[in-house]
Structures are given as structure tokens and as C-alpha cells.
Amino acid sequence: MSDIFLKIQSIVNQNDVVLFMKGTKDFPQCGFSAMTSHILVQLGVDFFDVNVLQDPEIRQGIKDFSDWPTIPQLYIKGEFVGGCDIAKEMFQSGELLNLLKEKAVI
């Protein structure tokens, strides 16, 4: 496993909810990252944000790690959930709230 994969795996393992995003939860720098972050805030979820714009190695590494081509990427209890569209659909259906409760995050 490469060093960047180990770093990403460590971040995912050490935090219940991780959002790899462009910008930060306080200052998102793309609409998709802003929407996903807003969904988590609206649900009252404390999450760890990783600004992929600060580290090109993480920006590409997270795409390879998850085998998912876009950012943001949401992880809950070590499990890749998906990007903005999936998080939005899960939020609207109530599935995201159920998952967060099931994983004892909220």
C-alpha cells in the first residue's frame, strides 16, 4: 500500500465521519462540497474535513483509494458512502440519517 493510501486510511479510521472536499466546512470552495458539508451540518454531524486543494497527492490519492472519480467524498465509520449526489439523495430519502444513527454517529 502506498504512503498516501496509508495516510488516507489513517484519516478514515481515526474519524467517524470524514468529508474529503474542496475547501473546508467553514469555507467550501465548490458547490458540491458546499452542499455535502451543509447536509452534514444540517443533520448535526460533527465531521472531519480534508481540504484536497491543499495537497495534490491527497486530491488524486482519494480518487484512487475509493475508485471514485469526483470530490467530495463522504466516509462514515470507515465506509465510503459516495459523493454529493449520493449524499443528497440519501439525505432527501432519510437514508443518510438512518445510516448515521445505525453507525451510532448521531
Protein backbone atom coordinates (compact mmCIF):
# COMPACT_ATOMS: atom_id res chain seq x y z
CA MET A 1 0.00 0.00 0.00
CA SER A 2 1.38 3.41 -0.92
CA ASP A 3 2.16 6.10 1.64
CA ILE A 4 -0.79 8.22 0.50
CA PHE A 5 -3.18 5.27 0.84
CA LEU A 6 -1.86 4.67 4.37
CA LYS A 7 -2.37 8.36 5.20
CA ILE A 8 -5.94 8.32 3.82
CA GLN A 9 -6.73 5.04 5.59
CA SER A 10 -5.47 6.53 8.85
CA ILE A 11 -7.68 9.62 8.46
CA VAL A 12 -10.72 7.46 7.66
CA ASN A 13 -10.01 5.11 10.58
CA GLN A 14 -9.47 7.87 13.14
CA ASN A 15 -12.65 9.85 12.42
CA ASP A 16 -16.27 8.68 12.49
CA VAL A 17 -17.27 10.95 9.60
CA VAL A 18 -14.80 12.31 7.05
CA LEU A 19 -15.53 14.57 4.11
CA PHE A 20 -12.78 14.90 1.51
CA MET A 21 -13.74 18.19 -0.08
CA LYS A 22 -12.58 21.25 -1.96
CA GLY A 23 -12.12 23.82 0.78
CA THR A 24 -13.18 23.41 4.38
CA LYS A 25 -16.51 23.03 6.16
CA ASP A 26 -16.23 26.71 7.13
CA PHE A 27 -15.18 27.81 3.65
CA PRO A 28 -16.15 25.32 0.93
CA GLN A 29 -14.64 26.13 -2.44
CA CYS A 30 -17.04 24.34 -4.78
CA GLY A 31 -20.79 23.96 -4.88
CA PHE A 32 -20.77 20.19 -4.50
CA SER A 33 -18.51 20.35 -1.44
CA ALA A 34 -20.66 23.15 -0.01
CA MET A 35 -23.85 21.12 -0.46
CA THR A 36 -22.43 17.96 1.11
CA SER A 37 -20.97 19.90 4.02
CA HIS A 38 -24.28 21.73 4.51
CA ILE A 39 -26.17 18.42 4.62
CA LEU A 40 -23.90 17.15 7.39
CA VAL A 41 -24.19 20.41 9.33
CA GLN A 42 -27.97 20.36 8.94
CA LEU A 43 -28.04 16.83 10.41
CA GLY A 44 -25.90 18.00 13.33
CA VAL A 45 -22.99 15.74 12.39
CA ASP A 46 -19.53 16.53 13.72
CA PHE A 47 -17.23 15.66 10.83
CA PHE A 48 -13.58 15.89 9.92
CA ASP A 49 -12.94 17.85 6.74
CA VAL A 50 -9.95 17.27 4.47
CA ASN A 51 -9.23 20.07 2.02
CA VAL A 52 -7.93 18.27 -1.08
CA LEU A 53 -6.88 21.60 -2.61
CA GLN A 54 -4.05 21.85 -0.06
CA ASP A 55 -2.41 18.57 -1.10
CA PRO A 56 -2.36 17.37 -4.72
CA GLU A 57 -1.24 13.93 -3.54
CA ILE A 58 -4.39 13.54 -1.42
CA ARG A 59 -6.54 15.06 -4.17
CA GLN A 60 -5.53 12.29 -6.59
CA GLY A 61 -4.96 9.67 -3.90
CA ILE A 62 -8.52 9.77 -2.58
CA LYS A 63 -9.86 9.16 -6.10
CA ASP A 64 -7.65 6.10 -6.46
CA PHE A 65 -8.32 4.95 -2.89
CA SER A 66 -12.10 4.87 -3.35
CA ASP A 67 -12.08 4.19 -7.08
CA TRP A 68 -14.44 7.18 -7.35
CA PRO A 69 -13.57 9.97 -9.82
CA THR A 70 -15.05 13.02 -8.14
CA ILE A 71 -14.79 15.10 -4.98
CA PRO A 72 -16.35 15.48 -2.43
CA GLN A 73 -16.22 12.01 -0.95
CA LEU A 74 -18.01 11.06 2.25
CA TYR A 75 -16.89 8.31 4.63
CA ILE A 76 -18.86 7.14 7.65
CA LYS A 77 -17.20 4.80 10.17
CA GLY A 78 -14.57 3.80 7.63
CA GLU A 79 -17.08 3.07 4.87
CA PHE A 80 -17.17 5.02 1.60
CA VAL A 81 -20.70 6.38 1.17
CA GLY A 82 -20.34 8.36 -2.05
CA GLY A 83 -20.19 11.86 -3.45
CA CYS A 84 -22.51 14.84 -3.41
CA ASP A 85 -25.34 13.35 -5.49
CA ILE A 86 -25.49 10.17 -3.41
CA ALA A 87 -25.32 12.10 -0.11
CA LYS A 88 -28.08 14.43 -1.33
CA GLU A 89 -30.34 11.56 -2.41
CA MET A 90 -29.72 9.72 0.87
CA PHE A 91 -30.44 12.90 2.83
CA GLN A 92 -33.70 13.54 0.99
CA SER A 93 -34.90 9.96 1.46
CA GLY A 94 -33.90 9.83 5.13
CA GLU A 95 -31.42 7.05 4.41
CA LEU A 96 -28.42 9.16 5.44
CA LEU A 97 -29.94 9.96 8.82
CA ASN A 98 -30.73 6.28 9.32
CA LEU A 99 -27.17 5.29 8.40
CA LEU A 100 -25.71 7.83 10.82
CA LYS A 101 -27.96 6.52 13.59
CA GLU A 102 -27.20 2.90 12.72
CA LYS A 103 -23.46 3.63 12.90
CA ALA A 104 -24.02 5.46 16.25
CA VAL A 105 -22.62 8.72 14.89
CA ILE A 106 -25.65 10.77 15.97
